[in-house]
C-alpha atoms as a PDB file:
ATOM      1  CA  MET A   1      16.282  11.755   1.156  1.00  0.00           C
ATOM      2  CA  THR A   2      15.880  15.364   0.104  1.00  0.00           C
ATOM      3  CA  THR A   3      14.176  14.423  -3.471  1.00  0.00           C
ATOM      4  CA  LEU A   4      10.491  14.409  -2.532  1.00  0.00           C
ATOM      5  CA  GLY A   5       8.008  11.483  -3.496  1.00  0.00           C
ATOM      6  CA  PHE A   6       8.278   8.132  -5.192  1.00  0.00           C
ATOM      7  CA  ASP A   7       6.139   7.071  -8.640  1.00  0.00           C
ATOM      8  CA  LYS A   8       8.071   3.737  -9.614  1.00  0.00           C
ATOM      9  CA  PRO A   9       5.445   0.697  -8.581  1.00  0.00           C
ATOM     10  CA  LEU A  10       5.367  -0.658  -5.411  1.00  0.00           C
ATOM     11  CA  TYR A  11       3.468  -3.352  -4.232  1.00  0.00           C
ATOM     12  CA  VAL A  12       3.344  -3.835  -0.141  1.00  0.00           C
ATOM     13  CA  LEU A  13       3.712  -7.076   1.992  1.00  0.00           C
ATOM     14  CA  PRO A  14       2.642  -5.296   5.050  1.00  0.00           C
ATOM     15  CA  PHE A  15       2.643  -7.718   8.332  1.00  0.00           C
ATOM     16  CA  ASP A  16       4.141  -4.422  11.076  1.00  0.00           C
ATOM     17  CA  HIS A  17       0.621  -5.069  12.831  1.00  0.00           C
ATOM     18  CA  ARG A  18       1.708  -5.396  16.504  1.00  0.00           C
ATOM     19  CA  GLY A  19      -0.801  -5.408  19.725  1.00  0.00           C
ATOM     20  CA  SER A  20      -3.513  -6.308  17.088  1.00  0.00           C
ATOM     21  CA  PHE A  21      -1.435  -9.237  16.025  1.00  0.00           C
ATOM     22  CA  GLN A  22      -0.712 -10.620  19.431  1.00  0.00           C
ATOM     23  CA  LYS A  23      -4.191 -10.310  20.835  1.00  0.00           C
ATOM     24  CA  LYS A  24      -6.136 -10.922  18.027  1.00  0.00           C
ATOM     25  CA  MET A  25      -4.098 -13.782  16.285  1.00  0.00           C
ATOM     26  CA  PHE A  26      -2.784 -15.048  19.588  1.00  0.00           C
ATOM     27  CA  GLY A  27      -5.202 -14.082  22.618  1.00  0.00           C
ATOM     28  CA  TRP A  28      -2.974 -11.758  24.549  1.00  0.00           C
ATOM     29  CA  ASP A  29      -2.683  -9.471  26.376  1.00  0.00           C
ATOM     30  CA  GLY A  30      -0.497  -7.012  28.038  1.00  0.00           C
ATOM     31  CA  GLU A  31       3.639  -7.769  27.987  1.00  0.00           C
ATOM     32  CA  LEU A  32       5.170 -10.376  26.594  1.00  0.00           C
ATOM     33  CA  SER A  33       7.671 -12.380  27.827  1.00  0.00           C
ATOM     34  CA  VAL A  34      10.955 -13.398  25.543  1.00  0.00           C
ATOM     35  CA  GLU A  35       9.324 -16.931  24.543  1.00  0.00           C
ATOM     36  CA  GLN A  36       5.929 -15.011  22.914  1.00  0.00           C
ATOM     37  CA  THR A  37       8.231 -12.714  21.392  1.00  0.00           C
ATOM     38  CA  ALA A  38       9.858 -15.469  19.683  1.00  0.00           C
ATOM     39  CA  GLU A  39       6.367 -17.175  18.776  1.00  0.00           C
ATOM     40  CA  ILE A  40       5.034 -13.789  17.316  1.00  0.00           C
ATOM     41  CA  ALA A  41       8.148 -13.188  15.530  1.00  0.00           C
ATOM     42  CA  THR A  42       8.042 -17.317  14.178  1.00  0.00           C
ATOM     43  CA  ALA A  43       4.871 -16.474  12.387  1.00  0.00           C
ATOM     44  CA  LYS A  44       6.352 -13.450  11.101  1.00  0.00           C
ATOM     45  CA  ARG A  45       8.725 -14.999   8.976  1.00  0.00           C
ATOM     46  CA  VAL A  46       6.049 -17.383   7.834  1.00  0.00           C
ATOM     47  CA  ILE A  47       4.256 -13.929   5.808  1.00  0.00           C
ATOM     48  CA  TYR A  48       8.470 -13.385   4.857  1.00  0.00           C
ATOM     49  CA  ASP A  49       8.875 -16.588   3.453  1.00  0.00           C
ATOM     50  CA  ALA A  50       5.934 -16.426   1.061  1.00  0.00           C
ATOM     51  CA  PHE A  51       6.909 -12.531   0.087  1.00  0.00           C
ATOM     52  CA  ARG A  52      10.444 -14.176  -1.296  1.00  0.00           C
ATOM     53  CA  ALA A  53       8.684 -17.167  -2.188  1.00  0.00           C
ATOM     54  CA  ALA A  54       6.070 -14.912  -4.132  1.00  0.00           C
ATOM     55  CA  VAL A  55       9.153 -12.711  -5.919  1.00  0.00           C
ATOM     56  CA  ALA A  56      11.388 -16.189  -6.787  1.00  0.00           C
ATOM     57  CA  ALA A  57       7.744 -16.938  -8.557  1.00  0.00           C
ATOM     58  CA  GLY A  58       7.666 -14.058 -10.611  1.00  0.00           C
ATOM     59  CA  VAL A  59       6.931 -10.834  -8.609  1.00  0.00           C
ATOM     60  CA  PRO A  60       9.393  -8.144 -10.129  1.00  0.00           C
ATOM     61  CA  LYS A  61      11.951  -7.569  -7.228  1.00  0.00           C
ATOM     62  CA  GLU A  62      12.672  -3.703  -7.839  1.00  0.00           C
ATOM     63  CA  LYS A  63       8.311  -3.702  -7.056  1.00  0.00           C
ATOM     64  CA  ALA A  64       7.782  -5.753  -4.106  1.00  0.00           C
ATOM     65  CA  GLY A  65       8.061  -5.428  -0.943  1.00  0.00           C
ATOM     66  CA  ILE A  66       7.893  -5.652   2.891  1.00  0.00           C
ATOM     67  CA  LEU A  67       5.833  -3.354   6.092  1.00  0.00           C
ATOM     68  CA  VAL A  68       7.143  -4.943   9.235  1.00  0.00           C
ATOM     69  CA  ASP A  69       7.746  -3.923  12.360  1.00  0.00           C
ATOM     70  CA  GLU A  70      11.277  -3.839  14.576  1.00  0.00           C
ATOM     71  CA  GLN A  71       9.954  -5.895  17.806  1.00  0.00           C
ATOM     72  CA  PHE A  72       8.528  -8.926  15.915  1.00  0.00           C
ATOM     73  CA  GLY A  73      10.524  -8.522  12.489  1.00  0.00           C
ATOM     74  CA  ALA A  74      14.059  -7.179  13.043  1.00  0.00           C
ATOM     75  CA  ALA A  75      15.402 -10.371  11.833  1.00  0.00           C
ATOM     76  CA  ILE A  76      13.171  -9.936   8.832  1.00  0.00           C
ATOM     77  CA  LEU A  77      14.672  -6.801   8.104  1.00  0.00           C
ATOM     78  CA  ARG A  78      17.682  -6.983   8.693  1.00  0.00           C
ATOM     79  CA  ASP A  79      18.054  -9.823   6.420  1.00  0.00           C
ATOM     80  CA  ALA A  80      15.123  -8.140   3.642  1.00  0.00           C
ATOM     81  CA  SER A  81      18.207  -5.496   3.525  1.00  0.00           C
ATOM     82  CA  ALA A  82      20.938  -7.486   3.065  1.00  0.00           C
ATOM     83  CA  GLU A  83      19.213  -9.149   0.089  1.00  0.00           C
ATOM     84  CA  GLY A  84      18.407  -5.915  -1.313  1.00  0.00           C
ATOM     85  CA  TYR A  85      14.119  -6.080  -1.336  1.00  0.00           C
ATOM     86  CA  THR A  86      12.153  -2.167  -0.249  1.00  0.00           C
ATOM     87  CA  THR A  87      11.802  -2.185   3.350  1.00  0.00           C
ATOM     88  CA  ALA A  88       9.520  -0.379   5.533  1.00  0.00           C
ATOM     89  CA  CYS A  89       8.618  -0.451   9.705  1.00  0.00           C
ATOM     90  CA  PRO A  90       6.671   1.723  11.737  1.00  0.00           C
ATOM     91  CA  ALA A  91       7.628   4.558  13.804  1.00  0.00           C
ATOM     92  CA  GLU A  92       4.603   4.845  15.698  1.00  0.00           C
ATOM     93  CA  LYS A  93       3.307   3.275  19.063  1.00  0.00           C
ATOM     94  CA  SER A  94       0.615   0.465  18.575  1.00  0.00           C
ATOM     95  CA  GLY A  95      -2.566   0.752  18.875  1.00  0.00           C
ATOM     96  CA  GLN A  96      -2.877   4.424  19.734  1.00  0.00           C
ATOM     97  CA  ASP A  97      -5.053   7.223  18.586  1.00  0.00           C
ATOM     98  CA  GLU A  98      -2.704   9.803  18.665  1.00  0.00           C
ATOM     99  CA  PHE A  99       0.108   9.295  16.788  1.00  0.00           C
ATOM    100  CA  ASP A 100       3.502   9.190  18.794  1.00  0.00           C
ATOM    101  CA  PHE A 101       7.018   7.534  18.671  1.00  0.00           C
ATOM    102  CA  GLU A 102       7.721   4.310  19.058  1.00  0.00           C
ATOM    103  CA  TYR A 103      11.117   5.287  20.296  1.00  0.00           C
ATOM    104  CA  GLY A 104      10.857   8.332  21.668  1.00  0.00           C
ATOM    105  CA  GLU A 105      13.839  10.834  20.993  1.00  0.00           C
ATOM    106  CA  ASP A 106      15.415   7.419  20.038  1.00  0.00           C
ATOM    107  CA  PHE A 107      13.599   7.467  16.466  1.00  0.00           C
ATOM    108  CA  ALA A 108      16.315   8.975  14.269  1.00  0.00           C
ATOM    109  CA  ARG A 109      18.697   5.970  15.336  1.00  0.00           C
ATOM    110  CA  HIS A 110      16.334   3.167  14.949  1.00  0.00           C
ATOM    111  CA  ILE A 111      15.192   3.882  11.558  1.00  0.00           C
ATOM    112  CA  GLU A 112      18.946   4.381  10.515  1.00  0.00           C
ATOM    113  CA  ALA A 113      19.488   0.959  12.000  1.00  0.00           C
ATOM    114  CA  PHE A 114      17.836  -1.118   9.731  1.00  0.00           C
ATOM    115  CA  HIS A 115      19.297   0.860   6.119  1.00  0.00           C
ATOM    116  CA  LEU A 116      15.242   1.385   5.154  1.00  0.00           C
ATOM    117  CA  SER A 117      13.927   1.911   2.109  1.00  0.00           C
ATOM    118  CA  PHE A 118      10.789   3.931   4.330  1.00  0.00           C
ATOM    119  CA  CYS A 119       9.512   5.083   7.416  1.00  0.00           C
ATOM    120  CA  LYS A 120       6.125   4.610   7.561  1.00  0.00           C
ATOM    121  CA  VAL A 121       3.855   6.179  10.025  1.00  0.00           C
ATOM    122  CA  LEU A 122      -0.169   4.760  11.087  1.00  0.00           C
ATOM    123  CA  VAL A 123      -1.521   8.825  11.777  1.00  0.00           C
ATOM    124  CA  ARG A 124      -5.912   8.404  12.658  1.00  0.00           C
ATOM    125  CA  TYR A 125      -6.591  12.636  10.831  1.00  0.00           C
ATOM    126  CA  ASN A 126      -9.834  13.917  10.847  1.00  0.00           C
ATOM    127  CA  PRO A 127     -10.150  17.080   9.723  1.00  0.00           C
ATOM    128  CA  GLU A 128     -13.345  17.690  11.652  1.00  0.00           C
ATOM    129  CA  GLY A 129     -12.162  16.282  14.917  1.00  0.00           C
ATOM    130  CA  ASP A 130     -10.529  17.426  17.645  1.00  0.00           C
ATOM    131  CA  LYS A 131      -8.158  20.732  16.778  1.00  0.00           C
ATOM    132  CA  ALA A 132      -5.453  19.931  19.386  1.00  0.00           C
ATOM    133  CA  LEU A 133      -4.864  16.811  19.059  1.00  0.00           C
ATOM    134  CA  ASN A 134      -4.319  16.953  15.107  1.00  0.00           C
ATOM    135  CA  LYS A 135      -2.245  19.666  16.287  1.00  0.00           C
ATOM    136  CA  ARG A 136      -0.007  17.719  17.844  1.00  0.00           C
ATOM    137  CA  GLN A 137       0.205  15.082  15.839  1.00  0.00           C
ATOM    138  CA  ALA A 138       1.161  17.329  12.423  1.00  0.00           C
ATOM    139  CA  ALA A 139       3.604  19.221  14.836  1.00  0.00           C
ATOM    140  CA  ARG A 140       5.225  15.212  15.595  1.00  0.00           C
ATOM    141  CA  LEU A 141       4.668  14.431  11.976  1.00  0.00           C
ATOM    142  CA  LYS A 142       6.323  17.248  10.908  1.00  0.00           C
ATOM    143  CA  ARG A 143       9.136  16.439  13.112  1.00  0.00           C
ATOM    144  CA  LEU A 144       9.910  13.306  11.779  1.00  0.00           C
ATOM    145  CA  SER A 145       8.853  15.011   8.324  1.00  0.00           C
ATOM    146  CA  ASP A 146      11.904  16.961   7.888  1.00  0.00           C
ATOM    147  CA  TYR A 147      14.165  14.424   9.717  1.00  0.00           C
ATOM    148  CA  LEU A 148      13.180  11.628   6.991  1.00  0.00           C
ATOM    149  CA  HIS A 149      14.251  14.704   3.909  1.00  0.00           C
ATOM    150  CA  SER A 150      17.620  15.675   5.177  1.00  0.00           C
ATOM    151  CA  ARG A 151      21.333  14.206   4.418  1.00  0.00           C
ATOM    152  CA  ARG A 152      21.092  12.542   7.869  1.00  0.00           C
ATOM    153  CA  SER A 153      18.607  10.074   6.167  1.00  0.00           C
ATOM    154  CA  HIS A 154      18.114   7.612   3.740  1.00  0.00           C
ATOM    155  CA  SER A 155      14.889   6.432   3.973  1.00  0.00           C
ATOM    156  CA  ARG A 156      11.606   8.121   2.754  1.00  0.00           C
ATOM    157  CA  PHE A 157       8.452   8.795   4.411  1.00  0.00           C
ATOM    158  CA  MET A 158       5.403   6.447   3.908  1.00  0.00           C
ATOM    159  CA  PHE A 159       2.279   7.746   5.852  1.00  0.00           C
ATOM    160  CA  GLU A 160      -0.724   5.533   6.446  1.00  0.00           C
ATOM    161  CA  LEU A 161      -3.680   7.827   6.389  1.00  0.00           C
ATOM    162  CA  LEU A 162      -6.676   6.547   8.036  1.00  0.00           C
ATOM    163  CA  VAL A 163     -10.085   9.009   8.551  1.00  0.00           C
ATOM    164  CA  PRO A 164     -12.117   7.011  11.279  1.00  0.00           C
ATOM    165  CA  PRO A 165     -15.612   9.408  11.345  1.00  0.00           C
ATOM    166  CA  GLU A 166     -16.466  11.468  13.657  1.00  0.00           C
ATOM    167  CA  LYS A 167     -19.767  10.491  16.251  1.00  0.00           C
ATOM    168  CA  THR A 168     -21.651  12.985  14.421  1.00  0.00           C
ATOM    169  CA  GLN A 169     -20.935  12.432  10.656  1.00  0.00           C
ATOM    170  CA  LEU A 170     -21.984   8.723  11.344  1.00  0.00           C
ATOM    171  CA  ASP A 171     -24.818  10.177  13.091  1.00  0.00           C
ATOM    172  CA  GLN A 172     -25.838  12.015   9.982  1.00  0.00           C
ATOM    173  CA  LEU A 173     -25.621   9.402   8.080  1.00  0.00           C
ATOM    174  CA  LYS A 174     -27.904   7.520  10.205  1.00  0.00           C
ATOM    175  CA  GLY A 175     -24.818   5.136  11.810  1.00  0.00           C
ATOM    176  CA  ASP A 176     -23.845   3.590   8.528  1.00  0.00           C
ATOM    177  CA  GLN A 177     -20.139   3.153   7.683  1.00  0.00           C
ATOM    178  CA  ALA A 178     -20.362   2.176   3.845  1.00  0.00           C
ATOM    179  CA  ALA A 179     -22.034   5.222   3.406  1.00  0.00           C
ATOM    180  CA  TYR A 180     -19.448   7.363   5.427  1.00  0.00           C
ATOM    181  CA  ASP A 181     -16.634   5.555   3.060  1.00  0.00           C
ATOM    182  CA  LEU A 182     -18.533   6.446   0.196  1.00  0.00           C
ATOM    183  CA  GLU A 183     -20.083   9.872   0.668  1.00  0.00           C
ATOM    184  CA  LEU A 184     -18.124  11.616   3.780  1.00  0.00           C
ATOM    185  CA  ARG A 185     -14.532  10.159   3.413  1.00  0.00           C
ATOM    186  CA  PRO A 186     -13.544  10.592   0.539  1.00  0.00           C
ATOM    187  CA  GLN A 187     -13.279  14.604   0.608  1.00  0.00           C
ATOM    188  CA  LEU A 188     -12.167  14.345   3.981  1.00  0.00           C
ATOM    189  CA  MET A 189      -9.312  12.489   3.275  1.00  0.00           C
ATOM    190  CA  VAL A 190      -8.244  15.557   0.258  1.00  0.00           C
ATOM    191  CA  GLN A 191      -8.787  18.201   2.896  1.00  0.00           C
ATOM    192  CA  SER A 192      -6.656  15.871   5.956  1.00  0.00           C
ATOM    193  CA  ILE A 193      -3.817  15.634   3.192  1.00  0.00           C
ATOM    194  CA  GLU A 194      -4.197  19.388   2.472  1.00  0.00           C
ATOM    195  CA  GLU A 195      -4.068  20.272   5.779  1.00  0.00           C
ATOM    196  CA  LEU A 196      -1.264  18.219   6.566  1.00  0.00           C
ATOM    197  CA  GLN A 197       0.802  19.254   3.583  1.00  0.00           C
ATOM    198  CA  ASP A 198       0.304  22.912   4.713  1.00  0.00           C
ATOM    199  CA  ALA A 199       1.569  21.776   8.500  1.00  0.00           C
ATOM    200  CA  HIS A 200       5.009  20.847   6.288  1.00  0.00           C
ATOM    201  CA  VAL A 201       4.046  17.213   6.323  1.00  0.00           C
ATOM    202  CA  GLU A 202       5.590  15.655   3.133  1.00  0.00           C
ATOM    203  CA  PRO A 203       4.943  12.392   2.550  1.00  0.00           C
ATOM    204  CA  ASP A 204       6.501  10.723  -0.767  1.00  0.00           C
ATOM    205  CA  VAL A 205       4.349   7.930  -0.633  1.00  0.00           C
ATOM    206  CA  TRP A 206       0.424   8.279   0.923  1.00  0.00           C
ATOM    207  CA  LYS A 207      -0.987   5.272   1.979  1.00  0.00           C
ATOM    208  CA  ILE A 208      -4.972   5.330   0.900  1.00  0.00           C
ATOM    209  CA  GLU A 209      -7.551   3.441   2.699  1.00  0.00           C
ATOM    210  CA  GLY A 210      -9.679   2.169   0.103  1.00  0.00           C
ATOM    211  CA  LEU A 211     -11.700   3.499  -2.680  1.00  0.00           C
ATOM    212  CA  ASP A 212     -15.207   2.902  -5.097  1.00  0.00           C
ATOM    213  CA  ARG A 213     -15.577   5.975  -7.048  1.00  0.00           C
ATOM    214  CA  ARG A 214     -12.852   6.490  -9.528  1.00  0.00           C
ATOM    215  CA  SER A 215     -13.373  10.371  -9.605  1.00  0.00           C
ATOM    216  CA  ASP A 216     -12.567  10.076  -5.988  1.00  0.00           C
ATOM    217  CA  CYS A 217      -9.288   8.045  -6.241  1.00  0.00           C
ATOM    218  CA  GLU A 218      -8.321  11.047  -9.087  1.00  0.00           C
ATOM    219  CA  LYS A 219      -8.612  14.028  -6.417  1.00  0.00           C
ATOM    220  CA  ILE A 220      -6.758  12.039  -3.864  1.00  0.00           C
ATOM    221  CA  VAL A 221      -4.114  12.524  -6.512  1.00  0.00           C
ATOM    222  CA  ALA A 222      -4.265  16.503  -6.911  1.00  0.00           C
ATOM    223  CA  ALA A 223      -3.648  16.494  -3.854  1.00  0.00           C
ATOM    224  CA  ALA A 224      -0.974  14.250  -3.112  1.00  0.00           C
ATOM    225  CA  ARG A 225       0.243  16.204  -5.541  1.00  0.00           C
ATOM    226  CA  ARG A 226      -0.565  19.214  -5.647  1.00  0.00           C
ATOM    227  CA  GLU A 227       2.092  22.469  -5.727  1.00  0.00           C
ATOM    228  CA  GLY A 228       5.339  21.071  -6.932  1.00  0.00           C
ATOM    229  CA  ARG A 229       4.591  17.231  -5.362  1.00  0.00           C
ATOM    230  CA  ALA A 230       4.338  16.111  -9.110  1.00  0.00           C
ATOM    231  CA  SER A 231       6.144  12.362  -7.915  1.00  0.00           C
ATOM    232  CA  VAL A 232       4.330  11.809  -4.794  1.00  0.00           C
ATOM    233  CA  GLY A 233       2.974   8.554  -4.823  1.00  0.00           C
ATOM    234  CA  CYS A 234      -0.162   6.421  -3.604  1.00  0.00           C
ATOM    235  CA  ILE A 235      -1.216   3.373  -2.420  1.00  0.00           C
ATOM    236  CA  ILE A 236      -4.651   1.446  -1.362  1.00  0.00           C
ATOM    237  CA  LEU A 237      -4.233   0.081   1.896  1.00  0.00           C
ATOM    238  CA  GLY A 238      -6.968  -3.435   1.986  1.00  0.00           C
ATOM    239  CA  ARG A 239      -8.324  -2.978   5.823  1.00  0.00           C
ATOM    240  CA  GLY A 240      -8.823  -6.273   6.815  1.00  0.00           C
ATOM    241  CA  GLU A 241     -11.478  -6.373   4.348  1.00  0.00           C
ATOM    242  CA  ASN A 242     -12.559  -9.678   2.090  1.00  0.00           C
ATOM    243  CA  ASP A 243     -10.859 -10.596  -1.418  1.00  0.00           C
ATOM    244  CA  ALA A 244     -13.924  -9.059  -2.912  1.00  0.00           C
ATOM    245  CA  LYS A 245     -13.627  -5.851  -1.954  1.00  0.00           C
ATOM    246  CA  VAL A 246      -9.730  -5.945  -2.000  1.00  0.00           C
ATOM    247  CA  HIS A 247      -9.785  -6.584  -6.061  1.00  0.00           C
ATOM    248  CA  GLU A 248     -12.496  -3.893  -6.053  1.00  0.00           C
ATOM    249  CA  TRP A 249     -10.467  -1.217  -4.481  1.00  0.00           C
ATOM    250  CA  LEU A 250      -7.832  -1.916  -6.249  1.00  0.00           C
ATOM    251  CA  THR A 251      -9.210  -2.475  -9.763  1.00  0.00           C
ATOM    252  CA  VAL A 252     -10.243   1.424  -9.402  1.00  0.00           C
ATOM    253  CA  ALA A 253      -7.419   2.431  -8.228  1.00  0.00           C
ATOM    254  CA  ALA A 254      -4.485   1.416 -10.659  1.00  0.00           C
ATOM    255  CA  ALA A 255      -6.515   2.791 -13.425  1.00  0.00           C
ATOM    256  CA  VAL A 256      -5.777   6.115 -11.973  1.00  0.00           C
ATOM    257  CA  PRO A 257      -2.142   7.646 -13.013  1.00  0.00           C
ATOM    258  CA  GLY A 258      -0.506   8.724  -9.481  1.00  0.00           C
ATOM    259  CA  PHE A 259      -1.913   4.975  -7.777  1.00  0.00           C
ATOM    260  CA  ILE A 260       1.341   3.356  -7.794  1.00  0.00           C
ATOM    261  CA  GLY A 261       0.650   0.447  -5.990  1.00  0.00           C
ATOM    262  CA  PHE A 262      -0.894  -1.432  -3.046  1.00  0.00           C
ATOM    263  CA  ALA A 263      -0.363  -2.784   0.596  1.00  0.00           C
ATOM    264  CA  VAL A 264      -2.335  -5.336   1.558  1.00  0.00           C
ATOM    265  CA  GLY A 265      -1.184  -7.951   4.371  1.00  0.00           C
ATOM    266  CA  ARG A 266      -4.562  -9.154   6.841  1.00  0.00           C
ATOM    267  CA  THR A 267      -6.355  -9.868   3.108  1.00  0.00           C
ATOM    268  CA  THR A 268      -3.571 -12.170   2.629  1.00  0.00           C
ATOM    269  CA  PHE A 269      -2.294 -13.634   5.241  1.00  0.00           C
ATOM    270  CA  TRP A 270      -4.268 -13.830   8.438  1.00  0.00           C
ATOM    271  CA  ASP A 271      -6.405 -16.912   7.448  1.00  0.00           C
ATOM    272  CA  PRO A 272      -3.623 -19.102   6.284  1.00  0.00           C
ATOM    273  CA  LEU A 273      -1.061 -17.994   9.337  1.00  0.00           C
ATOM    274  CA  VAL A 274      -4.555 -19.211  11.659  1.00  0.00           C
ATOM    275  CA  ASP A 275      -4.724 -21.981   9.454  1.00  0.00           C
ATOM    276  CA  TRP A 276      -1.212 -23.262  10.243  1.00  0.00           C
ATOM    277  CA  LEU A 277      -0.977 -22.124  13.808  1.00  0.00           C
ATOM    278  CA  GLY A 278      -3.910 -24.457  14.767  1.00  0.00           C
ATOM    279  CA  LYS A 279      -2.433 -26.692  13.124  1.00  0.00           C
ATOM    280  CA  LYS A 280      -4.770 -27.093  10.390  1.00  0.00           C
ATOM    281  CA  THR A 281      -2.020 -27.109   7.563  1.00  0.00           C
ATOM    282  CA  THR A 282       1.300 -27.764   7.362  1.00  0.00           C
ATOM    283  CA  ARG A 283       3.760 -24.345   6.868  1.00  0.00           C
ATOM    284  CA  ASP A 284       4.605 -24.759   3.518  1.00  0.00           C
ATOM    285  CA  ALA A 285       1.485 -24.416   3.151  1.00  0.00           C
ATOM    286  CA  ALA A 286       0.416 -22.099   4.367  1.00  0.00           C
ATOM    287  CA  VAL A 287       4.008 -20.035   3.097  1.00  0.00           C
ATOM    288  CA  ALA A 288       1.934 -21.290  -0.968  1.00  0.00           C
ATOM    289  CA  GLU A 289      -0.615 -19.824   0.045  1.00  0.00           C
ATOM    290  CA  ILE A 290       0.052 -16.279   1.607  1.00  0.00           C
ATOM    291  CA  ALA A 291       2.327 -16.190  -1.482  1.00  0.00           C
ATOM    292  CA  ARG A 292      -0.064 -16.694  -4.430  1.00  0.00           C
ATOM    293  CA  ARG A 293      -2.615 -14.380  -2.859  1.00  0.00           C
ATOM    294  CA  TYR A 294       0.059 -11.752  -2.528  1.00  0.00           C
ATOM    295  CA  ARG A 295       0.592 -12.546  -5.998  1.00  0.00           C
ATOM    296  CA  GLU A 296      -3.174 -12.608  -7.103  1.00  0.00           C
ATOM    297  CA  PHE A 297      -2.902  -9.219  -5.731  1.00  0.00           C
ATOM    298  CA  VAL A 298       0.004  -7.814  -7.933  1.00  0.00           C
ATOM    299  CA  ASP A 299      -1.752  -9.658 -11.172  1.00  0.00           C
ATOM    300  CA  ILE A 300      -4.941  -7.935 -10.391  1.00  0.00           C
ATOM    301  CA  PHE A 301      -3.123  -4.524 -10.173  1.00  0.00           C
ATOM    302  CA  GLU A 302      -1.343  -4.797 -13.065  1.00  0.00           C
ATOM    303  CA  THR A 303      -3.895  -6.282 -16.061  1.00  0.00           C
ATOM    304  CA  ARG A 304      -5.658  -3.311 -15.053  1.00  0.00           C
ATOM    305  CA  GLN A 305      -3.213  -0.881 -14.829  1.00  0.00           C
ATOM    306  CA  LYS A 306      -2.121  -1.849 -17.920  1.00  0.00           C
ATOM    307  CA  ALA A 307      -5.900  -2.635 -19.752  1.00  0.00           C
ATOM    308  CA  ALA A 308      -5.858   1.472 -18.481  1.00  0.00           C
ATOM    309  CA  ALA A 309      -3.076   2.455 -20.259  1.00  0.00           C
ATOM    310  CA  ALA A 310      -3.874   0.943 -23.498  1.00  0.00           C
END
C-alpha cells in the first residue's frame, strides 16, 4: 500500500480487547485454556453479529468496519473479509505500556493472513515522557509503517494514540484528569503526532482520544495532514466513556473536516454483553441492543457532519 491516507467515512466497531476483556469481563488471569479461549470467542461473535445486524438495518456497508483481534476473533476476521467488510486487527502485544509486536518477527505473515483493510496499533506516547522509551517505540513503529506502505502489504496503517499523563503533568493540575484532558492533552497529542511523523511513522488513519473543543480537533487534523499528508484521516475513540461523553466527542469531531468517523467499542457492547453473560437477557436481545447503540453513534456523527456542511 503505497499511497498515504484514507479519507472516506469510517465507522468502526472495535472489540479487539484481549487482556482487559478476559480479566474484566470474565475474571480470568494468566494463560487461558482452550475452553476459556473458545468462550471468549463465542462472546465476541455476539458483537460481530450485532455489527452485521446494524449493516442490515441501514448502516452503509462501505462505511462500516470491525476491529477484532486474531487470538479470539480469527474466525470473525475470515468471515468478515469473505463478506467484503472493512476489517482491522491489532499488531501490538496486549496490556503493555511499551509497544511491541504481538507476533514478533512474524508480524507480516499475521497481517497478510487475514487480508486486512487496516493493521492497527495502540501506542502510549507522551512527548514529555521517557525519551528512550519513545525512541524504542518509534523505531519499531517505523518498521511496521515501512512494511505497510511497501508493495508487500495490502493493508493500511491505523494508529491509536494514547497520551497518558506524566506525574509531573498531573501534579501541576493538582491531580485533575479532566483538566489534563482539556488543557494539556490536546497539545501533547499534536506534539506526539509530529514527533512520530518526523521519525517516519506514517499512519493512514489516526485513532484519537476524544476532544472537547472544535479548535483542538482542527489542530489535530492540521498535524495529521501537514506537509503533503492531505488524505490522512482521523477517527475519534470512545475510551470506555459513558454515552453522554461519547455523544459530546462525536458531535465536536464530526463538524471538523478531516475527522472521518469513530471507533467506539466498550460504550457500545460492554453492558449488553455483561447482561447476556449474566443471563439477564437473551443473546438476540444483546445483539439487538449492541446494534442499536452502534447505529445511534453512526446517526449522531452523520447528522452533525451534514449540519456542519450545510
